[in-house]
Every structure is written in C-alpha cells, then in structure tokens.
Amino acid sequence: MENRLPDFVPDDLYRAVVLQSPDWLWVFDETGSPVGLSPEPNYGSALFRWVYETDLLPLQQACRQLLQEREPFAMTFRAVLPDGALVWLDGQGYPLACKSSGWQAALTAKDITAFKKQEERLTRLAYYDPLTQLPNRRLFQDRFTQSLHMAKRYHHKLAVIYLDLDDFKRINDTYGHATGDELLTMAASRLSHSIREPDTVCRMGGDEFVVLLQQFEHREDIAKIVGRITQTLTRPFELNGQTMSITSSIGVSCYPEDGQDIETLLQCADMAMYTSKQQGKNHFRFFSDS
C-alpha cells in the first residue's frame, strides 16, 4: 500500500515539534500579552520574564509596534535562564493572521551565544593587549579620534602622556622574561587605577604605555595626574619572593598647541619622554618646555 501523508497535522504533533526544536518561539495574543512556546524547560513562560534588563525596553517597544502596526522586526537580545546563565538570541518578529482569533504575532529566536563569545574573543584580540589586557594602539587610535572630534566641537583640550619604564631590560636580564611580563602586568593594573574615569591608558609595546587625558583646564591638572602615576609606579613590587622597584620617564604633549592629530601628538610626547630620560630618568616633561 502506498504511504500517504495525513490530510492534516494534529495540534499535538505541532506542539511536539515546537518543544523539540532548539529555537525559541513566542506567540502573542490580541491583547499583546506574550505566551511562551519555547523549548523545555521554558515552555509556557512569558517572553519578557526571561529578557535581560537592559534589553527589555527595546524589545517591548518592537513587539508593541509589531502587534499594532503589523511591522516585522529583527533584533539581537539577551535572556537569563533559571540557572542564571546568560544567552544571546537572534530574534525575528512577524505578524500572524489567524481565522479564529484574528491578528496575532510571533517571535522566533536562535541561540547565538557561541557565536557572540567567539566574536567577543576576536574583538579582544584585535583591540586589547593579550598580556596586560589594556587597550592596544589600534583601540587607542579609535578612542583618540572620537575624543578629538568632541574636543574640536566643544573646544576642549586633550593631552597625551607617553611613559617608559626605566631600565626595564635589567629586570628581564636579571630575573627572566616571565618575571618581566608579570611586572608589566602589575604595572599596567596600577596605571589603570591611577587615571580618571574618562581617560584611557594603553600599552604601545614593550615597556611603553600611553595615556589619553580629557576634560582638564590647566597644565597643573596634568601634573597632578602624572604625579599620581609616578607615585603608584614607584611603590615596591613583590614578585616571586623578590622586592623590585622601578621608575618611569614621562613626556606630555597637548592638543591643540603641540599638534592637531594623533601621530604628531604621539611623536611630541615621545620626544618629551626621551628628554626626561636624558635628564636622569624618573622625570616628566612637557613637550612645549623641551
């Protein structure tokens, strides 16, 4: 006998297919209240119950517009599972025309958590130094470009601090590169905690770091920040049972008087830092004083 498909698919079969699907599905009734049809153990639960707090309002607005105006949408949002795990979902909202109940709406979503984690890992490799986890030169340039745009628009000042650890080669030669790397990591952490919230510190390479300063009025404000950096770096480091002390040579350039672009300001700050090192190290100098 020839096998034939049934003339209709029973509701319980539809339900079984939905529950076995790895995707998430929510159907919205005419009143706009979401009713869950997602995989176990989330079946029968309201959509908005699971959405991460900061993603909730945009999703609610998109769903409201979908129900009122039949306008489909696509949105990536996060959901929090009962065990506290955070998942990324890529959602598609679309209207449904039902003979028995009129217009409804549905939201389907795929779990893209693995993709987002890979994306974040690649972003970190592209924009952050793998040893110290500080922003690298590429991210520094991006942030400088944004800051420069705001500085030009609102007539703000910027400053670039170029910092080099004195005699760092001696640390590597005496204690080994592993200890040197650990010292760099600890120095980077201290630098991060010695700057203000809007400022950025990055590792340029080797034992060189750069700080982008924003929202200051006078050179004395820069001098205070440099003094704080110097003070935190000169505190002894405890590494592998050894007590080590380091100093730094620092140069400072300012926008707009010393340059109008990042390369010029970096070059000026580097030259001022080199002058500081020639003066006996453990100094800082403004490029305009060189």
Protein backbone atom coordinates (compact mmCIF):
# COMPACT_ATOMS: atom_id res chain seq x y z
CA MET A 1 0.00 0.00 0.00
CA GLU A 2 1.29 3.45 -0.89
CA ASN A 3 2.30 5.58 2.09
CA ARG A 4 0.41 8.85 2.28
CA LEU A 5 0.75 11.89 4.49
CA PRO A 6 -2.31 12.67 6.59
CA ASP A 7 -4.63 15.36 5.28
CA PHE A 8 -3.93 17.45 8.40
CA VAL A 9 -1.31 17.60 11.13
CA PRO A 10 -2.77 17.28 14.65
CA ASP A 11 -2.17 20.11 17.14
CA ASP A 12 -0.29 17.79 19.48
CA LEU A 13 2.16 17.00 16.69
CA TYR A 14 2.78 20.70 16.11
CA ARG A 15 3.32 21.07 19.84
CA ALA A 16 5.79 18.17 19.90
CA VAL A 17 7.78 19.68 17.00
CA VAL A 18 7.98 23.05 18.75
CA LEU A 19 9.11 21.53 22.04
CA GLN A 20 11.85 19.53 20.33
CA SER A 21 13.14 22.49 18.33
CA PRO A 22 16.38 24.13 19.54
CA ASP A 23 14.92 27.51 18.57
CA TRP A 24 12.77 29.69 20.79
CA LEU A 25 9.20 30.65 19.84
CA TRP A 26 6.72 33.00 21.46
CA VAL A 27 3.20 33.75 20.19
CA PHE A 28 1.47 36.99 21.17
CA ASP A 29 -2.28 37.20 21.63
CA GLU A 30 -4.54 40.01 20.55
CA THR A 31 -4.12 41.89 23.82
CA GLY A 32 -0.36 41.99 23.37
CA SER A 33 0.37 39.55 26.19
CA PRO A 34 3.17 37.13 25.22
CA VAL A 35 2.61 33.39 25.69
CA GLY A 36 5.64 31.13 25.53
CA LEU A 37 6.17 28.22 23.17
CA SER A 38 9.91 27.84 23.65
CA PRO A 39 11.88 24.60 24.19
CA GLU A 40 11.79 22.91 27.57
CA PRO A 41 12.19 23.96 30.33
CA ASN A 42 10.86 27.33 29.14
CA TYR A 43 7.57 26.14 27.61
CA GLY A 44 4.55 28.17 28.62
CA SER A 45 6.50 31.06 30.15
CA ALA A 46 6.15 34.71 29.23
CA LEU A 47 8.80 36.16 26.94
CA PHE A 48 9.54 39.29 28.94
CA ARG A 49 10.20 37.26 32.09
CA TRP A 50 13.45 35.98 30.61
CA VAL A 51 14.84 39.08 28.85
CA TYR A 52 17.97 40.72 30.25
CA GLU A 53 17.12 44.00 31.96
CA THR A 54 18.95 46.41 29.63
CA ASP A 55 17.49 44.70 26.51
CA LEU A 56 13.92 44.59 27.78
CA LEU A 57 12.61 48.05 26.82
CA PRO A 58 13.76 47.97 23.14
CA LEU A 59 12.24 44.51 22.71
CA GLN A 60 8.95 45.53 24.33
CA GLN A 61 8.73 48.55 22.03
CA ALA A 62 9.43 46.43 18.93
CA CYS A 63 6.80 43.85 19.98
CA ARG A 64 4.23 46.58 20.66
CA GLN A 65 4.79 48.07 17.20
CA LEU A 66 4.56 44.60 15.66
CA LEU A 67 1.16 44.00 17.25
CA GLN A 68 -0.24 47.45 16.49
CA GLU A 69 1.15 48.08 13.00
CA ARG A 70 2.00 44.56 11.73
CA GLU A 71 5.59 45.69 11.22
CA PRO A 72 8.15 42.84 11.32
CA PHE A 73 11.46 43.36 13.11
CA ALA A 74 14.83 41.72 13.68
CA MET A 75 16.69 42.15 16.96
CA THR A 76 19.50 40.57 18.94
CA PHE A 77 18.86 40.43 22.67
CA ARG A 78 19.93 38.54 25.78
CA ALA A 79 17.93 36.21 28.02
CA VAL A 80 18.66 34.93 31.52
CA LEU A 81 17.91 31.25 32.16
CA PRO A 82 16.65 29.93 35.54
CA ASP A 83 20.18 28.84 36.49
CA GLY A 84 21.46 32.39 35.88
CA ALA A 85 23.18 31.61 32.58
CA LEU A 86 23.12 34.42 30.03
CA VAL A 87 22.30 33.52 26.43
CA TRP A 88 22.32 35.63 23.27
CA LEU A 89 19.29 35.28 21.00
CA ASP A 90 18.86 36.44 17.40
CA GLY A 91 15.15 37.18 17.10
CA GLN A 92 12.71 37.72 14.22
CA GLY A 93 9.25 39.14 14.93
CA TYR A 94 6.43 38.81 12.39
CA PRO A 95 2.61 39.11 12.25
CA LEU A 96 0.25 36.11 12.05
CA ALA A 97 -3.24 36.09 10.53
CA CYS A 98 -5.49 33.56 12.28
CA LYS A 99 -9.07 32.85 11.11
CA SER A 100 -10.29 32.02 14.60
CA SER A 101 -8.62 34.76 16.60
CA GLY A 102 -7.68 37.50 14.15
CA TRP A 103 -4.23 39.05 14.07
CA GLN A 104 -1.53 37.73 16.38
CA ALA A 105 2.25 37.95 16.36
CA ALA A 106 5.19 35.60 16.80
CA LEU A 107 8.81 35.94 17.79
CA THR A 108 11.30 33.23 16.86
CA ALA A 109 14.87 33.28 18.10
CA LYS A 110 18.05 31.29 17.62
CA ASP A 111 20.64 30.81 20.36
CA ILE A 112 23.80 32.55 19.09
CA THR A 113 25.72 32.54 22.39
CA ALA A 114 28.65 30.57 20.98
CA PHE A 115 28.94 32.98 18.04
CA LYS A 116 28.85 36.03 20.34
CA LYS A 117 31.56 34.58 22.58
CA GLN A 118 33.76 33.97 19.55
CA GLU A 119 33.03 37.49 18.31
CA GLU A 120 33.99 38.96 21.69
CA ARG A 121 37.19 36.91 21.75
CA LEU A 122 38.20 38.14 18.29
CA THR A 123 37.37 41.73 19.25
CA ARG A 124 39.53 41.45 22.34
CA LEU A 125 42.41 40.06 20.27
CA ALA A 126 42.05 42.93 17.80
CA TYR A 127 41.76 45.77 20.31
CA TYR A 128 43.43 44.66 23.54
CA ASP A 129 46.95 43.75 24.51
CA PRO A 130 46.99 40.00 25.32
CA LEU A 131 49.49 40.35 28.19
CA THR A 132 48.16 43.33 30.16
CA GLN A 133 44.55 43.36 28.83
CA LEU A 134 44.94 47.11 28.27
CA PRO A 135 43.72 48.73 25.06
CA ASN A 136 46.30 48.40 22.29
CA ARG A 137 47.46 51.02 19.79
CA ARG A 138 44.53 50.32 17.47
CA LEU A 139 41.89 50.92 20.14
CA PHE A 140 43.81 53.93 21.42
CA GLN A 141 43.67 55.46 17.94
CA ASP A 142 39.91 54.86 17.75
CA ARG A 143 39.29 56.47 21.12
CA PHE A 144 41.61 59.38 20.30
CA THR A 145 39.71 60.00 17.05
CA GLN A 146 36.41 60.14 18.96
CA SER A 147 37.89 62.38 21.66
CA LEU A 148 39.47 64.69 19.08
CA HIS A 149 36.12 65.11 17.34
CA MET A 150 34.49 66.13 20.63
CA ALA A 151 37.42 68.38 21.55
CA LYS A 152 37.14 70.26 18.27
CA ARG A 153 33.38 70.56 18.55
CA TYR A 154 33.31 71.80 22.16
CA HIS A 155 36.76 73.46 22.26
CA HIS A 156 38.12 71.04 24.85
CA LYS A 157 41.77 70.23 25.47
CA LEU A 158 43.48 66.84 25.21
CA ALA A 159 46.82 65.59 26.45
CA VAL A 160 48.92 62.56 25.57
CA ILE A 161 51.22 61.10 28.23
CA TYR A 162 54.00 58.85 26.89
CA LEU A 163 55.55 56.66 29.58
CA ASP A 164 58.56 54.34 29.52
CA LEU A 165 59.72 52.15 32.41
CA ASP A 166 63.34 52.95 33.28
CA ASP A 167 65.91 50.16 32.91
CA PHE A 168 63.28 47.51 32.30
CA LYS A 169 65.78 45.48 30.29
CA ARG A 170 67.69 44.98 33.53
CA ILE A 171 64.62 43.30 35.07
CA ASN A 172 64.37 40.86 32.14
CA ASP A 173 68.10 40.14 32.17
CA THR A 174 68.27 39.61 35.94
CA TYR A 175 65.01 37.79 36.69
CA GLY A 176 63.89 36.43 33.31
CA HIS A 177 61.20 37.37 30.83
CA ALA A 178 58.41 35.61 32.76
CA THR A 179 59.06 37.84 35.76
CA GLY A 180 59.32 40.84 33.44
CA ASP A 181 55.93 40.03 31.94
CA GLU A 182 54.39 39.72 35.40
CA LEU A 183 55.87 43.08 36.37
CA LEU A 184 54.41 44.66 33.23
CA THR A 185 51.01 43.22 34.09
CA MET A 186 51.15 44.60 37.62
CA ALA A 187 52.36 47.99 36.38
CA ALA A 188 49.52 48.10 33.87
CA SER A 189 47.00 47.40 36.64
CA ARG A 190 48.41 50.22 38.74
CA LEU A 191 48.28 52.59 35.78
CA SER A 192 44.63 51.71 35.14
CA HIS A 193 43.74 52.55 38.73
CA SER A 194 45.67 55.82 38.78
CA ILE A 195 43.81 57.57 35.94
CA ARG A 196 40.37 59.13 35.91
CA GLU A 197 37.18 57.58 34.50
CA PRO A 198 37.13 59.35 31.10
CA ASP A 199 40.84 58.77 30.42
CA THR A 200 42.41 55.84 28.56
CA VAL A 201 45.68 54.01 29.17
CA CYS A 202 47.10 51.63 26.57
CA ARG A 203 50.21 49.57 26.04
CA MET A 204 52.10 50.64 22.96
CA GLY A 205 54.50 47.70 23.13
CA GLY A 206 57.41 46.54 25.25
CA ASP A 207 57.54 48.66 28.40
CA GLU A 208 55.92 51.73 26.82
CA PHE A 209 52.47 52.99 27.75
CA VAL A 210 50.36 55.94 26.61
CA VAL A 211 47.60 57.75 28.48
CA LEU A 212 44.96 59.93 26.80
CA LEU A 213 43.75 62.68 29.13
CA GLN A 214 40.47 64.54 28.64
CA GLN A 215 38.50 67.26 30.40
CA PHE A 216 41.21 69.30 32.06
CA GLU A 217 41.76 73.04 32.16
CA HIS A 218 45.36 73.73 33.18
CA ARG A 219 48.79 72.15 32.93
CA GLU A 220 48.70 71.79 36.71
CA ASP A 221 45.85 69.29 36.29
CA ILE A 222 48.08 67.16 34.06
CA ALA A 223 50.97 67.46 36.52
CA LYS A 224 48.77 66.10 39.31
CA ILE A 225 47.82 63.06 37.27
CA VAL A 226 51.44 62.45 36.26
CA GLY A 227 52.42 62.74 39.92
CA ARG A 228 49.83 60.12 40.84
CA ILE A 229 51.11 57.80 38.11
CA THR A 230 54.70 58.26 39.26
CA GLN A 231 53.78 57.64 42.87
CA THR A 232 51.89 54.42 42.18
CA LEU A 233 54.66 53.01 39.97
CA THR A 234 57.47 53.72 42.44
CA ARG A 235 55.84 51.65 45.17
CA PRO A 236 57.76 48.35 45.52
CA PHE A 237 56.53 45.30 43.60
CA GLU A 238 56.51 41.88 45.28
CA LEU A 239 57.26 39.18 42.71
CA ASN A 240 58.22 35.57 43.38
CA GLY A 241 59.61 36.42 46.79
CA GLN A 242 61.57 39.35 45.37
CA THR A 243 61.01 43.04 46.08
CA MET A 244 61.53 45.17 42.98
CA SER A 245 61.38 48.90 42.41
CA ILE A 246 61.01 50.73 39.11
CA THR A 247 60.78 54.31 37.95
CA SER A 248 59.47 55.85 34.76
CA SER A 249 60.32 58.61 32.32
CA ILE A 250 57.31 60.56 31.07
CA GLY A 251 56.64 63.04 28.29
CA VAL A 252 53.48 65.08 27.72
CA SER A 253 52.04 66.74 24.61
CA CYS A 254 48.85 68.80 24.46
CA TYR A 255 46.14 69.46 21.90
CA PRO A 256 45.85 71.92 20.24
CA GLU A 257 49.15 73.69 20.93
CA ASP A 258 51.51 70.78 20.23
CA GLY A 259 49.62 69.10 17.38
CA GLN A 260 46.30 68.53 15.67
CA ASP A 261 46.46 64.77 15.06
CA ILE A 262 47.38 61.63 16.93
CA GLU A 263 50.67 60.91 15.15
CA THR A 264 52.02 64.41 15.81
CA LEU A 265 50.95 64.35 19.45
CA LEU A 266 52.43 60.88 20.00
CA GLN A 267 55.68 61.96 18.40
CA CYS A 268 55.85 65.11 20.53
CA ALA A 269 55.09 63.19 23.74
CA ASP A 270 57.72 60.58 22.79
CA MET A 271 60.32 63.29 22.24
CA ALA A 272 59.49 64.87 25.61
CA MET A 273 59.79 61.45 27.26
CA TYR A 274 63.21 60.93 25.67
CA THR A 275 64.31 64.30 27.03
CA SER A 276 63.14 63.22 30.51
CA LYS A 277 65.21 60.05 30.22
CA GLN A 278 68.28 62.07 29.20
CA GLN A 279 67.84 64.23 32.29
CA GLY A 280 68.49 61.24 34.50
CA LYS A 281 65.24 59.26 34.32
CA ASN A 282 62.37 59.30 36.80
CA HIS A 283 61.29 62.69 35.41
CA PHE A 284 58.44 64.09 33.35
CA ARG A 285 58.48 66.90 30.85
CA PHE A 286 56.05 68.85 28.67
CA PHE A 287 56.96 68.95 25.00
CA SER A 288 56.44 72.73 24.99
CA ASP A 289 59.23 73.02 27.59
CA SER A 290 61.70 70.97 25.56
